[in-house]
Amino acid sequence: MGAQTVVADVADELARRVATGEYAPGDLMPSVRQVAEEFGMNRATAQLVLGRLESYGFVDAHRGRGFTVRDVRRAGGLDVYRRLFRLSMHAPELAADMFRNIVAAERVIVLEALLDYTEGEGGVDPVSLHGAIDELESLARSENPDHAAMLTLEIGLVRTLLTDLGHSVQRAVLNSVGEMLFEVPEAVQAYFAASPDLHVLVWRSLLAVWESDSGPSEPQLSLFEDLFALYHEKVVAHFEELVGVGAEVAGISA
């Protein structure tokens, strides 16, 4: 195992302890000597580990004091949140809470994109949309649907709409949200709480609206928003089931 791999692995372990609250905000991190002793490495490598943790945004360096834990949930940006989410999988309740926030952000961006594109004139080549949805349907009907590939296609479709709408900031945030999801298999799987065929049906229905001369009525739009919210509630519930939220309590009760 190379030195860089060791540095990355140990830095991830220390970051995991921050993510799960083992090291609280403001705590002094283990010293270079302590890290070296715990993980059986020399002090130069231990220094690289703590430096890597600082580059992650999980700690702050203080001359003469060492490294202190940052309040990553309050002060961290998207890159920090992405790493925090991946490392929080050892703490199901925390992971579920973070996933709930990720889904809320994704839902707002996607819903706004779909509604704005539906209410506007829409300049995306219909052929490209049909091609992507055909591919989505092919994946959905396979014996073992590739959920990651399907979600990649769906995010790509929304990204195309956002580009056409000129929503560059929302597209950038959606890209970051996608990166968070694809690093956690349970998060990807959660988006298929319903049948993969349902995903295709939704996109086919949207495409029919976009290609029609008359747009949807207000009641139809309202119903779509309600169903969209209900779908995301099922996504969150499925994620909680996958990571085992409440499993320990259920086991005690039994």
C-alpha atoms as a PDB file:
ATOM      1  CA  MET A   1       0.000   0.000   0.000  1.00  0.00           C
ATOM      2  CA  GLY A   2       1.470   3.369  -1.061  1.00  0.00           C
ATOM      3  CA  ALA A   3       2.118   6.257   1.298  1.00  0.00           C
ATOM      4  CA  GLN A   4      -0.527   8.398  -0.393  1.00  0.00           C
ATOM      5  CA  THR A   5      -3.119   5.656   0.056  1.00  0.00           C
ATOM      6  CA  VAL A   6      -2.239   5.402   3.749  1.00  0.00           C
ATOM      7  CA  VAL A   7      -2.540   9.164   4.153  1.00  0.00           C
ATOM      8  CA  ALA A   8      -5.933   9.204   2.419  1.00  0.00           C
ATOM      9  CA  ASP A   9      -7.261   6.216   4.392  1.00  0.00           C
ATOM     10  CA  VAL A  10      -6.207   7.586   7.784  1.00  0.00           C
ATOM     11  CA  ALA A  11      -7.463  11.069   6.911  1.00  0.00           C
ATOM     12  CA  ASP A  12     -10.831   9.530   5.996  1.00  0.00           C
ATOM     13  CA  GLU A  13     -10.930   7.666   9.310  1.00  0.00           C
ATOM     14  CA  LEU A  14     -10.283  10.868  11.261  1.00  0.00           C
ATOM     15  CA  ALA A  15     -12.812  12.734   9.100  1.00  0.00           C
ATOM     16  CA  ARG A  16     -15.332   9.971   9.848  1.00  0.00           C
ATOM     17  CA  ARG A  17     -14.864  10.606  13.558  1.00  0.00           C
ATOM     18  CA  VAL A  18     -15.616  14.272  12.958  1.00  0.00           C
ATOM     19  CA  ALA A  19     -18.636  13.398  10.799  1.00  0.00           C
ATOM     20  CA  THR A  20     -20.151  11.102  13.433  1.00  0.00           C
ATOM     21  CA  GLY A  21     -19.497  13.470  16.337  1.00  0.00           C
ATOM     22  CA  GLU A  22     -16.727  11.475  18.001  1.00  0.00           C
ATOM     23  CA  TYR A  23     -14.667  14.651  17.682  1.00  0.00           C
ATOM     24  CA  ALA A  24     -16.885  17.661  18.412  1.00  0.00           C
ATOM     25  CA  PRO A  25     -16.525  21.180  16.973  1.00  0.00           C
ATOM     26  CA  GLY A  26     -13.802  23.069  18.830  1.00  0.00           C
ATOM     27  CA  ASP A  27     -12.121  19.904  20.106  1.00  0.00           C
ATOM     28  CA  LEU A  28      -8.390  19.632  19.773  1.00  0.00           C
ATOM     29  CA  MET A  29      -7.513  16.898  17.294  1.00  0.00           C
ATOM     30  CA  PRO A  30      -5.010  14.191  18.249  1.00  0.00           C
ATOM     31  CA  SER A  31      -1.481  15.485  17.877  1.00  0.00           C
ATOM     32  CA  VAL A  32       0.972  14.400  15.206  1.00  0.00           C
ATOM     33  CA  ARG A  33       2.586  12.104  17.769  1.00  0.00           C
ATOM     34  CA  GLN A  34      -0.758  10.572  18.777  1.00  0.00           C
ATOM     35  CA  VAL A  35      -1.802   9.982  15.167  1.00  0.00           C
ATOM     36  CA  ALA A  36       1.574   8.397  14.419  1.00  0.00           C
ATOM     37  CA  GLU A  37       1.290   6.078  17.416  1.00  0.00           C
ATOM     38  CA  GLU A  38      -2.335   5.060  16.820  1.00  0.00           C
ATOM     39  CA  PHE A  39      -1.900   4.237  13.145  1.00  0.00           C
ATOM     40  CA  GLY A  40       1.678   2.956  13.267  1.00  0.00           C
ATOM     41  CA  MET A  41       3.249   5.565  11.004  1.00  0.00           C
ATOM     42  CA  ASN A  42       6.114   8.013  11.248  1.00  0.00           C
ATOM     43  CA  ARG A  43       5.493  11.595  12.298  1.00  0.00           C
ATOM     44  CA  ALA A  44       6.123  13.018   8.836  1.00  0.00           C
ATOM     45  CA  THR A  45       3.283  10.881   7.450  1.00  0.00           C
ATOM     46  CA  ALA A  46       1.054  11.774  10.399  1.00  0.00           C
ATOM     47  CA  GLN A  47       1.670  15.445   9.640  1.00  0.00           C
ATOM     48  CA  LEU A  48       0.554  14.817   6.047  1.00  0.00           C
ATOM     49  CA  VAL A  49      -2.612  13.147   7.368  1.00  0.00           C
ATOM     50  CA  LEU A  50      -3.557  16.175   9.455  1.00  0.00           C
ATOM     51  CA  GLY A  51      -2.680  18.457   6.557  1.00  0.00           C
ATOM     52  CA  ARG A  52      -4.989  16.409   4.335  1.00  0.00           C
ATOM     53  CA  LEU A  53      -7.735  16.747   6.931  1.00  0.00           C
ATOM     54  CA  GLU A  54      -7.245  20.523   6.863  1.00  0.00           C
ATOM     55  CA  SER A  55      -7.507  20.530   3.069  1.00  0.00           C
ATOM     56  CA  TYR A  56     -10.799  18.639   3.417  1.00  0.00           C
ATOM     57  CA  GLY A  57     -12.089  21.540   5.513  1.00  0.00           C
ATOM     58  CA  PHE A  58     -12.618  19.412   8.626  1.00  0.00           C
ATOM     59  CA  VAL A  59     -10.014  21.057  10.890  1.00  0.00           C
ATOM     60  CA  ASP A  60      -8.249  24.381  11.368  1.00  0.00           C
ATOM     61  CA  ALA A  61      -4.531  24.641  12.034  1.00  0.00           C
ATOM     62  CA  HIS A  62      -3.267  26.841  14.901  1.00  0.00           C
ATOM     63  CA  ARG A  63       0.402  27.565  15.382  1.00  0.00           C
ATOM     64  CA  GLY A  64       1.548  26.200  18.704  1.00  0.00           C
ATOM     65  CA  ARG A  65      -1.779  24.480  19.420  1.00  0.00           C
ATOM     66  CA  GLY A  66      -2.214  21.933  16.668  1.00  0.00           C
ATOM     67  CA  PHE A  67      -5.487  21.314  14.852  1.00  0.00           C
ATOM     68  CA  THR A  68      -9.012  21.986  16.085  1.00  0.00           C
ATOM     69  CA  VAL A  69     -12.238  20.484  14.735  1.00  0.00           C
ATOM     70  CA  ARG A  70     -14.339  22.769  12.547  1.00  0.00           C
ATOM     71  CA  ASP A  71     -18.117  22.932  12.829  1.00  0.00           C
ATOM     72  CA  VAL A  72     -18.394  21.351   9.404  1.00  0.00           C
ATOM     73  CA  ARG A  73     -22.197  21.195   9.363  1.00  0.00           C
ATOM     74  CA  ARG A  74     -22.453  24.958   9.835  1.00  0.00           C
ATOM     75  CA  ALA A  75     -19.324  26.219   8.103  1.00  0.00           C
ATOM     76  CA  GLY A  76     -18.692  23.623   5.393  1.00  0.00           C
ATOM     77  CA  GLY A  77     -19.339  24.174   1.690  1.00  0.00           C
ATOM     78  CA  LEU A  78     -20.646  21.677  -0.847  1.00  0.00           C
ATOM     79  CA  ASP A  79     -17.368  19.747  -1.070  1.00  0.00           C
ATOM     80  CA  VAL A  80     -17.241  19.378   2.708  1.00  0.00           C
ATOM     81  CA  TYR A  81     -20.897  18.356   2.847  1.00  0.00           C
ATOM     82  CA  ARG A  82     -20.315  15.732   0.155  1.00  0.00           C
ATOM     83  CA  ARG A  83     -17.482  14.119   2.107  1.00  0.00           C
ATOM     84  CA  LEU A  84     -19.420  14.487   5.344  1.00  0.00           C
ATOM     85  CA  PHE A  85     -22.406  12.644   3.863  1.00  0.00           C
ATOM     86  CA  ARG A  86     -20.302   9.741   2.602  1.00  0.00           C
ATOM     87  CA  LEU A  87     -18.543   9.362   5.939  1.00  0.00           C
ATOM     88  CA  SER A  88     -21.757   9.650   7.973  1.00  0.00           C
ATOM     89  CA  MET A  89     -22.994   6.254   6.807  1.00  0.00           C
ATOM     90  CA  HIS A  90     -21.668   4.762  10.055  1.00  0.00           C
ATOM     91  CA  ALA A  91     -24.288   6.861  11.880  1.00  0.00           C
ATOM     92  CA  PRO A  92     -27.680   6.082  10.260  1.00  0.00           C
ATOM     93  CA  GLU A  93     -29.656   8.852  11.964  1.00  0.00           C
ATOM     94  CA  LEU A  94     -27.104  11.451  10.903  1.00  0.00           C
ATOM     95  CA  ALA A  95     -26.920  10.047   7.368  1.00  0.00           C
ATOM     96  CA  ALA A  96     -30.718  10.134   7.078  1.00  0.00           C
ATOM     97  CA  ASP A  97     -30.851  13.732   8.280  1.00  0.00           C
ATOM     98  CA  MET A  98     -28.221  14.775   5.744  1.00  0.00           C
ATOM     99  CA  PHE A  99     -29.950  12.841   2.966  1.00  0.00           C
ATOM    100  CA  ARG A 100     -33.201  14.588   3.796  1.00  0.00           C
ATOM    101  CA  ASN A 101     -31.470  17.940   3.249  1.00  0.00           C
ATOM    102  CA  ILE A 102     -29.885  16.764  -0.004  1.00  0.00           C
ATOM    103  CA  VAL A 103     -33.245  15.574  -1.314  1.00  0.00           C
ATOM    104  CA  ALA A 104     -34.884  18.866  -0.356  1.00  0.00           C
ATOM    105  CA  ALA A 105     -32.293  20.813  -2.346  1.00  0.00           C
ATOM    106  CA  GLU A 106     -32.550  18.452  -5.329  1.00  0.00           C
ATOM    107  CA  ARG A 107     -36.352  18.579  -5.297  1.00  0.00           C
ATOM    108  CA  VAL A 108     -36.466  22.396  -5.455  1.00  0.00           C
ATOM    109  CA  ILE A 109     -34.010  22.561  -8.364  1.00  0.00           C
ATOM    110  CA  VAL A 110     -35.618  19.764 -10.390  1.00  0.00           C
ATOM    111  CA  LEU A 111     -39.194  20.915  -9.800  1.00  0.00           C
ATOM    112  CA  GLU A 112     -38.327  24.484 -10.766  1.00  0.00           C
ATOM    113  CA  ALA A 113     -36.592  23.266 -13.926  1.00  0.00           C
ATOM    114  CA  LEU A 114     -39.520  21.069 -14.977  1.00  0.00           C
ATOM    115  CA  LEU A 115     -42.139  23.740 -14.282  1.00  0.00           C
ATOM    116  CA  ASP A 116     -40.184  26.574 -15.900  1.00  0.00           C
ATOM    117  CA  TYR A 117     -39.503  24.494 -18.985  1.00  0.00           C
ATOM    118  CA  THR A 118     -43.152  23.423 -19.143  1.00  0.00           C
ATOM    119  CA  GLU A 119     -44.393  27.014 -18.884  1.00  0.00           C
ATOM    120  CA  GLY A 120     -41.817  28.335 -21.356  1.00  0.00           C
ATOM    121  CA  GLU A 121     -41.319  27.706 -25.051  1.00  0.00           C
ATOM    122  CA  GLY A 122     -38.572  25.089 -24.586  1.00  0.00           C
ATOM    123  CA  GLY A 123     -35.643  25.139 -26.961  1.00  0.00           C
ATOM    124  CA  VAL A 124     -34.138  21.688 -26.480  1.00  0.00           C
ATOM    125  CA  ASP A 125     -34.076  19.458 -29.546  1.00  0.00           C
ATOM    126  CA  PRO A 126     -36.936  16.953 -29.029  1.00  0.00           C
ATOM    127  CA  VAL A 127     -34.867  14.249 -30.758  1.00  0.00           C
ATOM    128  CA  SER A 128     -32.231  14.377 -28.004  1.00  0.00           C
ATOM    129  CA  LEU A 129     -34.925  14.226 -25.316  1.00  0.00           C
ATOM    130  CA  HIS A 130     -36.576  11.224 -26.992  1.00  0.00           C
ATOM    131  CA  GLY A 131     -33.213   9.505 -27.277  1.00  0.00           C
ATOM    132  CA  ALA A 132     -32.407   9.949 -23.585  1.00  0.00           C
ATOM    133  CA  ILE A 133     -35.859   8.769 -22.498  1.00  0.00           C
ATOM    134  CA  ASP A 134     -35.685   5.773 -24.849  1.00  0.00           C
ATOM    135  CA  GLU A 135     -32.385   4.829 -23.228  1.00  0.00           C
ATOM    136  CA  LEU A 136     -33.952   5.292 -19.791  1.00  0.00           C
ATOM    137  CA  GLU A 137     -36.796   2.962 -20.773  1.00  0.00           C
ATOM    138  CA  SER A 138     -34.365   0.359 -22.087  1.00  0.00           C
ATOM    139  CA  LEU A 139     -32.546   0.358 -18.748  1.00  0.00           C
ATOM    140  CA  ALA A 140     -35.803   0.213 -16.770  1.00  0.00           C
ATOM    141  CA  ARG A 141     -36.997  -2.843 -18.680  1.00  0.00           C
ATOM    142  CA  SER A 142     -33.777  -4.799 -18.330  1.00  0.00           C
ATOM    143  CA  GLU A 143     -33.743  -7.817 -16.023  1.00  0.00           C
ATOM    144  CA  ASN A 144     -31.669  -5.959 -13.417  1.00  0.00           C
ATOM    145  CA  PRO A 145     -32.108  -2.208 -13.965  1.00  0.00           C
ATOM    146  CA  ASP A 146     -28.922  -0.228 -13.412  1.00  0.00           C
ATOM    147  CA  HIS A 147     -30.167   2.411 -10.997  1.00  0.00           C
ATOM    148  CA  ALA A 148     -26.977   4.452 -11.145  1.00  0.00           C
ATOM    149  CA  ALA A 149     -27.135   4.618 -14.941  1.00  0.00           C
ATOM    150  CA  MET A 150     -30.810   5.573 -14.822  1.00  0.00           C
ATOM    151  CA  LEU A 151     -30.232   8.320 -12.283  1.00  0.00           C
ATOM    152  CA  THR A 152     -27.303   9.591 -14.364  1.00  0.00           C
ATOM    153  CA  LEU A 153     -29.616   9.875 -17.365  1.00  0.00           C
ATOM    154  CA  GLU A 154     -32.298  11.667 -15.368  1.00  0.00           C
ATOM    155  CA  ILE A 155     -29.859  14.163 -13.897  1.00  0.00           C
ATOM    156  CA  GLY A 156     -28.508  14.671 -17.413  1.00  0.00           C
ATOM    157  CA  LEU A 157     -32.012  15.443 -18.682  1.00  0.00           C
ATOM    158  CA  VAL A 158     -32.582  18.022 -15.952  1.00  0.00           C
ATOM    159  CA  ARG A 159     -29.130  19.489 -16.599  1.00  0.00           C
ATOM    160  CA  THR A 160     -30.102  19.906 -20.267  1.00  0.00           C
ATOM    161  CA  LEU A 161     -33.274  21.767 -19.288  1.00  0.00           C
ATOM    162  CA  LEU A 162     -31.394  24.013 -16.853  1.00  0.00           C
ATOM    163  CA  THR A 163     -28.859  24.851 -19.572  1.00  0.00           C
ATOM    164  CA  ASP A 164     -31.667  25.786 -21.971  1.00  0.00           C
ATOM    165  CA  LEU A 165     -33.316  27.914 -19.278  1.00  0.00           C
ATOM    166  CA  GLY A 166     -30.032  29.671 -18.493  1.00  0.00           C
ATOM    167  CA  HIS A 167     -30.089  28.506 -14.856  1.00  0.00           C
ATOM    168  CA  SER A 168     -26.333  28.056 -14.526  1.00  0.00           C
ATOM    169  CA  VAL A 169     -26.157  28.288 -10.725  1.00  0.00           C
ATOM    170  CA  GLN A 170     -28.878  25.674 -10.267  1.00  0.00           C
ATOM    171  CA  ARG A 171     -27.077  23.427 -12.752  1.00  0.00           C
ATOM    172  CA  ALA A 172     -23.838  23.740 -10.766  1.00  0.00           C
ATOM    173  CA  VAL A 173     -25.605  22.865  -7.506  1.00  0.00           C
ATOM    174  CA  LEU A 174     -27.335  19.909  -9.172  1.00  0.00           C
ATOM    175  CA  ASN A 175     -23.934  18.665 -10.333  1.00  0.00           C
ATOM    176  CA  SER A 176     -22.696  18.754  -6.734  1.00  0.00           C
ATOM    177  CA  VAL A 177     -25.837  17.032  -5.488  1.00  0.00           C
ATOM    178  CA  GLY A 178     -25.292  14.297  -8.069  1.00  0.00           C
ATOM    179  CA  GLU A 179     -21.716  13.795  -6.866  1.00  0.00           C
ATOM    180  CA  MET A 180     -22.978  13.362  -3.295  1.00  0.00           C
ATOM    181  CA  LEU A 181     -25.560  10.788  -4.335  1.00  0.00           C
ATOM    182  CA  PHE A 182     -23.289   8.667  -6.517  1.00  0.00           C
ATOM    183  CA  GLU A 183     -20.730   8.256  -3.728  1.00  0.00           C
ATOM    184  CA  VAL A 184     -23.345   6.475  -1.571  1.00  0.00           C
ATOM    185  CA  PRO A 185     -24.997   3.415  -3.192  1.00  0.00           C
ATOM    186  CA  GLU A 186     -27.909   3.534  -0.731  1.00  0.00           C
ATOM    187  CA  ALA A 187     -28.679   7.097  -1.834  1.00  0.00           C
ATOM    188  CA  VAL A 188     -28.911   6.047  -5.485  1.00  0.00           C
ATOM    189  CA  GLN A 189     -31.058   3.043  -4.630  1.00  0.00           C
ATOM    190  CA  ALA A 190     -33.380   5.222  -2.544  1.00  0.00           C
ATOM    191  CA  TYR A 191     -34.443   7.151  -5.649  1.00  0.00           C
ATOM    192  CA  PHE A 192     -36.027   3.952  -6.922  1.00  0.00           C
ATOM    193  CA  ALA A 193     -38.436   3.490  -4.054  1.00  0.00           C
ATOM    194  CA  ALA A 194     -41.020   3.061  -6.811  1.00  0.00           C
ATOM    195  CA  SER A 195     -40.731   0.949  -9.947  1.00  0.00           C
ATOM    196  CA  PRO A 196     -38.125   2.109 -12.493  1.00  0.00           C
ATOM    197  CA  ASP A 197     -40.957   2.079 -15.058  1.00  0.00           C
ATOM    198  CA  LEU A 198     -42.597   4.931 -13.166  1.00  0.00           C
ATOM    199  CA  HIS A 199     -39.574   7.129 -13.875  1.00  0.00           C
ATOM    200  CA  VAL A 200     -39.999   6.487 -17.587  1.00  0.00           C
ATOM    201  CA  LEU A 201     -43.743   7.168 -17.415  1.00  0.00           C
ATOM    202  CA  VAL A 202     -43.159  10.558 -15.797  1.00  0.00           C
ATOM    203  CA  TRP A 203     -40.649  11.609 -18.451  1.00  0.00           C
ATOM    204  CA  ARG A 204     -42.911  10.351 -21.266  1.00  0.00           C
ATOM    205  CA  SER A 205     -45.791  12.368 -19.811  1.00  0.00           C
ATOM    206  CA  LEU A 206     -43.661  15.501 -19.545  1.00  0.00           C
ATOM    207  CA  LEU A 207     -42.442  15.074 -23.100  1.00  0.00           C
ATOM    208  CA  ALA A 208     -46.041  14.766 -24.327  1.00  0.00           C
ATOM    209  CA  VAL A 209     -46.894  18.040 -22.598  1.00  0.00           C
ATOM    210  CA  TRP A 210     -43.855  19.807 -24.058  1.00  0.00           C
ATOM    211  CA  GLU A 211     -44.755  18.654 -27.563  1.00  0.00           C
ATOM    212  CA  SER A 212     -48.441  19.556 -27.300  1.00  0.00           C
ATOM    213  CA  ASP A 213     -49.879  22.864 -28.420  1.00  0.00           C
ATOM    214  CA  SER A 214     -51.659  23.467 -25.123  1.00  0.00           C
ATOM    215  CA  GLY A 215     -49.862  23.299 -21.798  1.00  0.00           C
ATOM    216  CA  PRO A 216     -51.182  21.699 -18.598  1.00  0.00           C
ATOM    217  CA  SER A 217     -53.965  23.286 -16.592  1.00  0.00           C
ATOM    218  CA  GLU A 218     -53.418  24.790 -13.153  1.00  0.00           C
ATOM    219  CA  PRO A 219     -55.027  21.787 -11.419  1.00  0.00           C
ATOM    220  CA  GLN A 220     -52.752  19.453 -13.396  1.00  0.00           C
ATOM    221  CA  LEU A 221     -49.673  21.439 -12.378  1.00  0.00           C
ATOM    222  CA  SER A 222     -50.802  21.426  -8.753  1.00  0.00           C
ATOM    223  CA  LEU A 223     -51.347  17.660  -8.862  1.00  0.00           C
ATOM    224  CA  PHE A 224     -47.902  17.162 -10.381  1.00  0.00           C
ATOM    225  CA  GLU A 225     -46.284  19.194  -7.575  1.00  0.00           C
ATOM    226  CA  ASP A 226     -48.135  17.159  -4.937  1.00  0.00           C
ATOM    227  CA  LEU A 227     -47.115  13.852  -6.539  1.00  0.00           C
ATOM    228  CA  PHE A 228     -43.541  15.073  -6.876  1.00  0.00           C
ATOM    229  CA  ALA A 229     -43.432  15.882  -3.146  1.00  0.00           C
ATOM    230  CA  LEU A 230     -44.972  12.501  -2.289  1.00  0.00           C
ATOM    231  CA  TYR A 231     -42.372  10.716  -4.415  1.00  0.00           C
ATOM    232  CA  HIS A 232     -39.518  12.439  -2.571  1.00  0.00           C
ATOM    233  CA  GLU A 233     -41.054  11.533   0.781  1.00  0.00           C
ATOM    234  CA  LYS A 234     -40.941   7.896  -0.334  1.00  0.00           C
ATOM    235  CA  VAL A 235     -37.306   8.355  -1.423  1.00  0.00           C
ATOM    236  CA  VAL A 236     -36.334   9.597   2.041  1.00  0.00           C
ATOM    237  CA  ALA A 237     -38.282   6.806   3.746  1.00  0.00           C
ATOM    238  CA  HIS A 238     -36.607   4.200   1.529  1.00  0.00           C
ATOM    239  CA  PHE A 239     -33.163   5.577   2.353  1.00  0.00           C
ATOM    240  CA  GLU A 240     -33.915   5.363   6.073  1.00  0.00           C
ATOM    241  CA  GLU A 241     -34.939   1.746   5.583  1.00  0.00           C
ATOM    242  CA  LEU A 242     -31.773   0.970   3.611  1.00  0.00           C
ATOM    243  CA  VAL A 243     -29.383   2.450   6.191  1.00  0.00           C
ATOM    244  CA  GLY A 244     -31.244   0.938   9.134  1.00  0.00           C
ATOM    245  CA  VAL A 245     -32.741   3.970  10.849  1.00  0.00           C
ATOM    246  CA  GLY A 246     -34.779   2.691  13.798  1.00  0.00           C
ATOM    247  CA  ALA A 247     -33.451  -0.853  13.371  1.00  0.00           C
ATOM    248  CA  GLU A 248     -31.779  -0.898  16.791  1.00  0.00           C
ATOM    249  CA  VAL A 249     -34.921   0.402  18.476  1.00  0.00           C
ATOM    250  CA  ALA A 250     -37.032  -2.207  16.680  1.00  0.00           C
ATOM    251  CA  GLY A 251     -34.609  -4.912  17.764  1.00  0.00           C
ATOM    252  CA  ILE A 252     -34.865  -3.855  21.410  1.00  0.00           C
ATOM    253  CA  SER A 253     -38.657  -3.721  21.260  1.00  0.00           C
ATOM    254  CA  ALA A 254     -38.803  -7.199  19.785  1.00  0.00           C
END
